[in-house]
Protein backbone atom coordinates (compact mmCIF):
# COMPACT_ATOMS: atom_id res chain seq x y z
CA MET A 1 13.77 -24.40 -7.08
CA ILE A 2 16.57 -23.21 -9.40
CA LYS A 3 17.92 -25.76 -11.81
CA VAL A 4 21.62 -25.59 -12.58
CA ALA A 5 23.04 -26.90 -15.80
CA PRO A 6 25.13 -30.04 -15.27
CA LEU A 7 28.35 -28.30 -16.42
CA ALA A 8 27.78 -25.18 -14.33
CA ALA A 9 28.71 -26.76 -10.99
CA PRO A 10 32.13 -28.09 -12.08
CA LEU A 11 32.85 -24.82 -13.92
CA THR A 12 31.95 -22.78 -10.84
CA LEU A 13 34.15 -24.98 -8.65
CA SER A 14 37.03 -24.65 -11.11
CA LEU A 15 36.75 -20.86 -11.18
CA ALA A 16 36.49 -20.71 -7.41
CA SER A 17 39.60 -22.85 -6.97
CA LEU A 18 41.55 -20.63 -9.40
CA ALA A 19 40.48 -17.53 -7.53
CA LEU A 20 41.43 -19.08 -4.19
CA SER A 21 44.78 -20.27 -5.48
CA GLY A 22 45.52 -16.72 -6.61
CA CYS A 23 44.72 -15.50 -3.10
CA LEU A 24 46.98 -18.15 -1.61
CA VAL A 25 49.85 -17.20 -3.92
CA ARG A 26 49.39 -13.53 -3.09
CA THR A 27 49.29 -14.32 0.64
CA ALA A 28 52.40 -16.47 0.37
CA ALA A 29 54.20 -13.66 -1.46
CA ASP A 30 53.13 -11.20 1.23
CA ILE A 31 54.47 -13.52 3.94
CA VAL A 32 57.79 -13.95 2.13
CA THR A 33 58.30 -10.22 1.53
CA ALA A 34 57.06 -9.06 4.95
CA PRO A 35 60.49 -9.24 6.67
CA ILE A 36 62.05 -7.27 3.83
CA ASP A 37 59.32 -4.63 4.02
CA LEU A 38 59.76 -4.36 7.79
CA ALA A 39 63.54 -4.05 7.50
CA SER A 40 63.34 -1.37 4.83
CA GLY A 41 60.78 0.52 6.88
CA ALA A 42 63.06 0.37 9.91
CA VAL A 43 65.99 1.67 7.86
CA ASP A 44 63.86 4.52 6.51
CA ALA A 45 62.75 5.41 10.03
CA ALA A 46 66.30 5.24 11.40
CA THR A 47 67.93 7.39 8.71
CA THR A 48 67.45 11.04 7.96
CA SER A 49 67.76 12.26 4.41
CA GLN A 50 69.92 15.26 3.62
CA SER A 51 66.86 17.40 2.90
CA GLU A 52 65.29 16.41 6.23
CA ALA A 53 68.53 17.26 8.02
CA ASP A 54 68.64 20.63 6.25
CA GLU A 55 65.02 21.32 7.19
CA ASN A 56 65.71 20.43 10.83
CA ARG A 57 68.83 22.62 10.90
CA GLY A 58 66.88 25.52 9.38
CA ARG A 59 64.05 25.06 11.88
CA GLU A 60 66.46 25.13 14.82
CA LEU A 61 68.19 28.22 13.43
CA ARG A 62 64.86 30.04 13.06
CA LYS A 63 63.97 29.16 16.66
CA ARG A 64 67.28 30.59 17.91
CA GLU A 65 66.81 33.74 15.79
CA GLU A 66 63.28 34.19 17.16
CA ARG A 67 64.57 33.72 20.71
CA LEU A 68 67.36 36.24 20.09
CA GLY A 69 64.86 38.78 18.75
CA LYS A 70 62.64 38.34 21.80
CA LEU A 71 65.60 38.68 24.17
CA GLU A 72 66.79 41.84 22.41
CA ARG A 73 63.34 43.43 22.70
CA GLU A 74 63.11 42.54 26.39
CA TYR A 75 66.67 43.80 26.93
CA GLY A 76 65.79 47.16 25.35
CA LYS A 77 62.74 47.57 27.59
CA GLU A 78 64.70 46.65 30.72
CA ARG A 79 67.57 49.02 29.77
CA ASP A 80 65.04 51.85 29.39
CA LYS A 81 63.67 51.11 32.87
CA CYS A 82 67.22 50.84 34.22
CA ASP A 83 68.11 54.22 32.73
CA ARG A 84 65.17 55.69 34.67
CA GLY A 85 66.59 54.31 37.94
CA ASN A 86 64.91 50.89 38.33
CA GLU A 87 67.56 48.67 40.00
CA ARG A 88 65.64 45.43 39.37
CA ALA A 89 65.43 46.31 35.67
CA CYS A 90 69.23 46.76 35.61
CA GLU A 91 69.67 43.26 37.04
CA LYS A 92 67.19 41.82 34.57
CA ALA A 93 68.91 43.61 31.67
CA ALA A 94 72.25 42.12 32.77
CA GLU A 95 70.71 38.61 32.82
CA LEU A 96 69.17 39.13 29.39
CA GLY A 97 72.47 40.47 28.04
CA GLU A 98 74.25 37.33 29.23
CA GLU A 99 71.70 35.10 27.52
CA ILE A 100 72.06 37.14 24.32
CA ARG A 101 75.85 36.67 24.45
CA GLU A 102 75.34 32.91 24.80
CA ILE A 103 73.00 32.67 21.79
CA LEU A 104 74.86 35.00 19.41
CA PRO A 105 77.69 32.56 18.52
CA THR A 106 75.13 29.93 17.44
CA ILE A 107 73.61 32.17 14.78
CA PRO A 108 75.51 32.55 11.50
CA VAL A 109 76.26 36.05 10.28
CA GLU A 110 74.46 37.01 7.07
CA PRO A 111 76.86 38.26 4.38
CA ASP A 112 76.56 41.91 3.33
CA ASP A 113 75.29 42.18 -0.24
């Protein structure tokens, strides 16, 4: 059997109560600040920073440029087939040309250096 000094038990209880009171204070602070943390998180989620907006705009522009490049390549192939007498290729080239004309105004013109 382990013998405990007579002062050890009250000292241990005092330290334990201090530790628990610190936990209670921290928990109370967490409860009080929780609505504020939730509200600020909701605001952050609902707003887009300028850099995020710029990144999104750049990403959309790159997608349109990639689509335009693909359409132009397909258009060139279909025009070649059309020039050799393939009627279906002429129709397809006309469809691709129309889609190209729709996308072109959405892509800014790069300045000449």
